[in-house]
Amino acid sequence: MLTNDLYFVNGLFNCFEGDDAGGDDAATAAAAAAVAADAVAAANAAASGKTFSQDEVNAIVAKEKRQNQAALLKTEATYKQMLAENQNLSAKDRTMLEENLATVQGQLRTKEEQAKIEKKQLEEQLTGKIKETEERASAWENRYRRETVSRSLQDAAVAADAFQPSQIVSLLQPMTRLVEEVDPKTGKSSGKFNSMIDFPDVDAEGNPCVSTLSPKDAVKRMKDLPETYGNLFKSGVVSGIGANSATGIAPGANGKLDLRKLDARTYREMREKNPEALGLRSRGPRR
């Protein structure tokens, strides 16, 4: 059986001024020469008509592989030594040496080792892409939640005739969360989200509690607590005095004006223009 599939090693070495790597180069060259000699001998034998058994071919290939492996190991050691001992190499020379070293090391790896390295590289790339995608998705989700909550509170404040809807948004937004709506018939998610507010409230006995309310109901509840939130809504101001200002006079818990909070000037104006707010009988039109 004849074969021309013989391995030839073409040695390529980088030499730098002042390097003392002659011994390693000579050893590598000798290994390469041995491989070449075996190849020439095999070629001459083939030319003379000699045939080889499969075992003989396998032995020749194995020997050449070992010799080639030894030459590569020598070359790898030489490159590593040059990189370690020559700290004054230019950036270009160091890059060239590192590239050559990587090439030699790649030739030394088995197929299994190379596959492991490539798998690790792919896994690192995939992990990086997954992390980037998750961060972008999280950023968009947070933006959606903020905008949805802000819009629902803004709409409720405007509908409730607030002086400054942004004030209502600032007060309620920290206690607002998005809750996924569930279909009452199927019990499954509908894909819709509603804003719900954990509102600091008081029960019928006046004890502090927390009520979970929609934006509309939360703003309505705020209007029902005029001593705390009355100055935020136009309807919480006594008609005729500060009706168009957020600093108007708000009624007390019993719906009547607290006269203790009025100065003399405001009292005279209200007695003249709106005596009913003071609990007085209207004088009727003057004649």
Protein backbone atom coordinates (compact mmCIF):
# COMPACT_ATOMS: atom_id res chain seq x y z
CA MET A 1 0.00 0.00 0.00
CA LEU A 2 1.48 3.34 -1.11
CA THR A 3 0.91 6.67 0.55
CA ASN A 4 1.97 10.23 -0.17
CA ASP A 5 0.10 11.68 2.83
CA LEU A 6 3.29 12.51 4.68
CA TYR A 7 3.70 15.34 7.18
CA PHE A 8 6.19 18.09 6.48
CA VAL A 9 6.98 20.74 9.09
CA ASN A 10 7.89 24.19 7.84
CA GLY A 11 9.52 25.91 10.82
CA LEU A 12 9.01 29.71 11.15
CA PHE A 13 10.98 31.51 13.85
CA ASN A 14 11.17 35.14 14.96
CA CYS A 15 14.65 36.40 15.76
CA PHE A 16 15.38 39.59 17.65
CA GLU A 17 18.65 41.35 18.20
CA GLY A 18 20.25 40.29 21.45
CA ASP A 19 18.17 37.11 21.85
CA ASP A 20 20.01 34.00 22.93
CA ALA A 21 17.63 31.36 21.66
CA GLY A 22 20.03 29.52 19.37
CA GLY A 23 19.84 26.31 21.38
CA ASP A 24 16.10 26.04 21.13
CA ASP A 25 16.14 26.96 17.44
CA ALA A 26 18.74 24.29 16.75
CA ALA A 27 16.75 21.64 18.60
CA THR A 28 13.60 22.58 16.73
CA ALA A 29 15.41 22.60 13.41
CA ALA A 30 16.85 19.17 14.18
CA ALA A 31 13.40 17.79 14.91
CA ALA A 32 12.12 19.25 11.66
CA ALA A 33 15.05 17.78 9.75
CA ALA A 34 14.31 14.34 11.22
CA VAL A 35 10.73 14.54 10.07
CA ALA A 36 11.83 15.64 6.61
CA ALA A 37 14.37 12.80 6.45
CA ASP A 38 11.72 10.23 7.29
CA ALA A 39 9.47 11.71 4.67
CA VAL A 40 12.21 11.57 2.04
CA ALA A 41 13.00 7.96 2.96
CA ALA A 42 9.37 7.01 2.67
CA ALA A 43 9.09 8.80 -0.67
CA ASN A 44 12.18 7.01 -2.01
CA ALA A 45 10.81 3.69 -0.86
CA ALA A 46 7.53 4.41 -2.61
CA ALA A 47 9.36 5.42 -5.78
CA SER A 48 11.29 2.15 -5.79
CA GLY A 49 8.05 0.24 -5.81
CA LYS A 50 8.08 -0.88 -2.21
CA THR A 51 4.68 -1.36 -0.65
CA PHE A 52 3.73 -0.69 2.96
CA SER A 53 1.33 -2.51 5.17
CA GLN A 54 -1.29 -0.57 7.10
CA ASP A 55 0.66 -1.11 10.32
CA GLU A 56 3.82 0.30 8.74
CA VAL A 57 1.90 3.35 7.49
CA ASN A 58 0.38 3.87 10.92
CA ALA A 59 3.80 3.61 12.53
CA ILE A 60 5.28 6.18 10.12
CA VAL A 61 2.38 8.59 10.71
CA ALA A 62 2.59 8.15 14.50
CA LYS A 63 6.33 8.78 14.49
CA GLU A 64 5.95 11.91 12.38
CA LYS A 65 3.16 13.13 14.65
CA ARG A 66 5.34 12.67 17.75
CA GLN A 67 8.25 14.46 16.12
CA ASN A 68 5.99 17.29 14.96
CA GLN A 69 4.51 17.54 18.49
CA ALA A 70 8.00 17.79 19.97
CA ALA A 71 8.95 20.53 17.51
CA LEU A 72 5.80 22.52 18.36
CA LEU A 73 6.47 22.17 22.08
CA LYS A 74 9.99 23.51 21.58
CA THR A 75 8.64 26.42 19.57
CA GLU A 76 6.01 27.16 22.22
CA ALA A 77 8.69 27.22 24.92
CA THR A 78 10.84 29.55 22.83
CA TYR A 79 8.00 32.05 22.29
CA LYS A 80 7.11 32.02 25.99
CA GLN A 81 10.72 32.62 26.97
CA MET A 82 11.10 35.48 24.51
CA LEU A 83 7.93 37.16 25.79
CA ALA A 84 9.01 36.77 29.43
CA GLU A 85 12.64 37.87 29.05
CA ASN A 86 12.29 40.65 26.48
CA GLN A 87 10.38 43.34 28.38
CA ASN A 88 11.54 46.06 25.98
CA LEU A 89 9.86 44.61 22.91
CA SER A 90 7.93 47.05 20.77
CA ALA A 91 4.16 46.74 20.77
CA LYS A 92 4.26 45.41 17.22
CA ASP A 93 6.87 42.71 17.99
CA ARG A 94 5.09 41.64 21.18
CA THR A 95 1.78 41.36 19.33
CA MET A 96 3.41 39.27 16.59
CA LEU A 97 4.97 36.94 19.15
CA GLU A 98 1.69 36.53 21.02
CA GLU A 99 -0.13 35.73 17.78
CA ASN A 100 2.51 33.15 16.81
CA LEU A 101 2.34 31.60 20.28
CA ALA A 102 -1.47 31.34 20.03
CA THR A 103 -1.11 29.63 16.63
CA VAL A 104 1.37 27.08 17.98
CA GLN A 105 -0.78 26.39 21.02
CA GLY A 106 -3.76 25.91 18.76
CA GLN A 107 -1.83 23.27 16.81
CA LEU A 108 -0.93 21.50 20.05
CA ARG A 109 -4.51 21.18 21.22
CA THR A 110 -6.48 18.04 20.57
CA LYS A 111 -9.83 18.27 18.83
CA GLU A 112 -11.58 17.75 22.18
CA GLU A 113 -9.62 20.55 23.85
CA GLN A 114 -10.30 22.91 20.97
CA ALA A 115 -14.00 22.09 21.10
CA LYS A 116 -14.06 22.87 24.83
CA ILE A 117 -12.42 26.26 24.26
CA GLU A 118 -14.82 27.17 21.47
CA LYS A 119 -17.78 26.05 23.61
CA LYS A 120 -16.61 28.25 26.48
CA GLN A 121 -16.23 31.24 24.16
CA LEU A 122 -19.74 30.73 22.78
CA GLU A 123 -21.17 30.39 26.29
CA GLU A 124 -19.50 33.65 27.37
CA GLN A 125 -20.86 35.45 24.32
CA LEU A 126 -24.36 34.07 24.93
CA THR A 127 -24.24 34.99 28.62
CA GLY A 128 -23.24 38.55 27.72
CA LYS A 129 -26.09 38.88 25.22
CA ILE A 130 -28.63 37.46 27.68
CA LYS A 131 -27.50 39.90 30.39
CA GLU A 132 -27.70 42.84 27.99
CA THR A 133 -31.19 41.80 26.86
CA GLU A 134 -32.40 41.40 30.46
CA GLU A 135 -31.07 44.84 31.41
CA ARG A 136 -32.81 46.47 28.45
CA ALA A 137 -36.07 44.63 29.19
CA SER A 138 -35.91 45.69 32.84
CA ALA A 139 -35.30 49.32 31.90
CA TRP A 140 -38.30 49.37 29.54
CA GLU A 141 -40.51 47.60 32.11
CA ASN A 142 -39.64 50.17 34.79
CA ARG A 143 -40.31 52.99 32.36
CA TYR A 144 -43.67 51.49 31.42
CA ARG A 145 -44.65 51.11 35.08
CA ARG A 146 -43.70 54.70 35.93
CA GLU A 147 -45.55 56.15 32.95
CA THR A 148 -48.66 54.01 33.53
CA VAL A 149 -48.87 54.91 37.22
CA SER A 150 -48.21 58.60 36.57
CA ARG A 151 -50.86 58.79 33.84
CA SER A 152 -53.53 57.05 35.96
CA LEU A 153 -52.90 59.38 38.91
CA GLN A 154 -52.84 62.44 36.67
CA ASP A 155 -56.18 61.53 35.08
CA ALA A 156 -57.79 60.92 38.48
CA ALA A 157 -56.50 64.26 39.82
CA VAL A 158 -57.77 66.20 36.81
CA ALA A 159 -61.19 64.53 37.01
CA ALA A 160 -61.37 65.46 40.72
CA ASP A 161 -60.75 69.14 39.93
CA ALA A 162 -57.37 69.38 41.70
CA PHE A 163 -55.55 72.71 41.72
CA GLN A 164 -52.25 71.11 40.76
CA PRO A 165 -52.60 67.48 39.51
CA SER A 166 -48.83 67.09 39.80
CA GLN A 167 -49.15 67.48 43.59
CA ILE A 168 -51.57 64.53 43.72
CA VAL A 169 -49.16 62.47 41.57
CA SER A 170 -46.22 63.27 43.87
CA LEU A 171 -48.21 62.32 46.97
CA LEU A 172 -49.67 59.04 45.68
CA GLN A 173 -46.97 57.69 43.35
CA PRO A 174 -44.69 56.25 46.11
CA MET A 175 -47.62 54.18 47.45
CA THR A 176 -48.89 53.03 44.03
CA ARG A 177 -48.17 49.67 42.41
CA LEU A 178 -49.24 47.96 39.19
CA VAL A 179 -51.43 44.89 39.66
CA GLU A 180 -52.08 42.43 36.83
CA GLU A 181 -55.77 42.07 36.06
CA VAL A 182 -57.23 38.57 36.28
CA ASP A 183 -60.19 37.41 34.19
CA PRO A 184 -62.92 36.53 36.74
CA LYS A 185 -64.34 33.82 34.47
CA THR A 186 -61.14 31.94 33.62
CA GLY A 187 -58.96 32.98 36.55
CA LYS A 188 -56.14 33.67 34.10
CA SER A 189 -54.18 36.83 33.44
CA SER A 190 -55.82 39.24 31.03
CA GLY A 191 -52.55 40.93 30.11
CA LYS A 192 -53.76 44.25 31.52
CA PHE A 193 -52.35 46.12 34.51
CA ASN A 194 -54.17 48.47 36.88
CA SER A 195 -52.76 51.00 39.32
CA MET A 196 -53.63 50.27 42.95
CA ILE A 197 -52.81 52.54 45.88
CA ASP A 198 -52.08 51.46 49.44
CA PHE A 199 -53.71 54.58 50.87
CA PRO A 200 -53.06 55.61 54.52
CA ASP A 201 -56.62 55.92 55.81
CA VAL A 202 -58.71 55.88 59.00
CA ASP A 203 -61.56 53.50 59.75
CA ALA A 204 -65.03 54.37 61.05
CA GLU A 205 -63.69 54.58 64.62
CA GLY A 206 -60.90 56.91 63.58
CA ASN A 207 -58.14 54.33 63.87
CA PRO A 208 -55.28 54.40 61.30
CA CYS A 209 -55.50 51.77 58.57
CA VAL A 210 -54.41 51.15 54.98
CA SER A 211 -57.00 50.96 52.20
CA THR A 212 -56.21 49.49 48.79
CA LEU A 213 -57.91 51.80 46.31
CA SER A 214 -57.91 52.63 42.61
CA PRO A 215 -56.58 56.10 41.67
CA LYS A 216 -60.14 57.38 41.24
CA ASP A 217 -61.27 56.05 44.65
CA ALA A 218 -58.06 57.21 46.36
CA VAL A 219 -58.48 60.78 45.11
CA LYS A 220 -62.16 60.67 46.12
CA ARG A 221 -61.11 59.55 49.60
CA MET A 222 -58.66 62.46 49.77
CA LYS A 223 -61.53 64.85 49.10
CA ASP A 224 -63.44 63.20 51.94
CA LEU A 225 -60.61 64.21 54.30
CA PRO A 226 -60.65 68.02 53.90
CA GLU A 227 -58.64 68.72 57.04
CA THR A 228 -55.71 66.85 55.48
CA TYR A 229 -56.17 67.28 51.73
CA GLY A 230 -58.86 69.96 51.33
CA ASN A 231 -56.46 72.61 50.07
CA LEU A 232 -55.56 70.40 47.07
CA PHE A 233 -58.98 70.60 45.43
CA LYS A 234 -61.02 73.52 44.17
CA SER A 235 -64.22 72.10 45.65
CA GLY A 236 -62.59 72.14 49.09
CA VAL A 237 -62.44 75.95 49.16
CA VAL A 238 -65.26 78.15 50.49
CA SER A 239 -67.03 79.89 47.64
CA GLY A 240 -66.23 83.57 47.36
CA ILE A 241 -62.99 83.50 49.37
CA GLY A 242 -59.96 82.08 47.55
CA ALA A 243 -62.17 80.05 45.22
CA ASN A 244 -59.56 80.14 42.49
CA SER A 245 -56.54 79.64 44.72
CA ALA A 246 -55.02 76.63 46.42
CA THR A 247 -54.64 78.78 49.57
CA GLY A 248 -58.41 79.24 50.08
CA ILE A 249 -60.17 78.44 53.37
CA ALA A 250 -61.21 74.78 53.63
CA PRO A 251 -64.17 73.64 55.76
CA GLY A 252 -63.63 71.55 58.88
CA ALA A 253 -64.52 67.89 59.45
CA ASN A 254 -68.18 68.79 60.16
CA GLY A 255 -68.48 70.69 56.89
CA LYS A 256 -68.49 74.08 58.65
CA LEU A 257 -65.83 76.70 58.60
CA ASP A 258 -63.48 76.83 61.58
CA LEU A 259 -63.87 80.43 62.71
CA ARG A 260 -60.75 80.19 64.84
CA LYS A 261 -58.65 80.10 61.67
CA LEU A 262 -60.08 83.38 60.29
CA ASP A 263 -58.52 86.77 60.81
CA ALA A 264 -60.69 89.87 61.34
CA ARG A 265 -60.43 91.10 57.77
CA THR A 266 -61.45 87.73 56.27
CA TYR A 267 -64.30 87.43 58.74
CA ARG A 268 -65.71 90.86 57.74
CA GLU A 269 -65.47 89.99 54.03
CA MET A 270 -67.20 86.66 54.46
CA ARG A 271 -69.93 88.17 56.71
CA GLU A 272 -70.56 90.70 53.94
CA LYS A 273 -70.35 88.40 50.89
CA ASN A 274 -71.09 84.89 52.17
CA PRO A 275 -72.66 84.91 55.65
CA GLU A 276 -74.04 81.38 55.20
CA ALA A 277 -70.49 80.03 55.36
CA LEU A 278 -70.26 81.56 58.86
CA GLY A 279 -73.55 80.06 59.94
CA LEU A 280 -75.30 83.47 59.66
CA ARG A 281 -78.57 84.22 57.95
CA SER A 282 -78.36 86.02 54.63
CA ARG A 283 -79.31 89.67 54.82
CA GLY A 284 -81.03 89.51 51.45
CA PRO A 285 -80.77 92.13 48.72
CA ARG A 286 -80.38 95.70 49.84
CA ARG A 287 -83.18 98.14 49.00
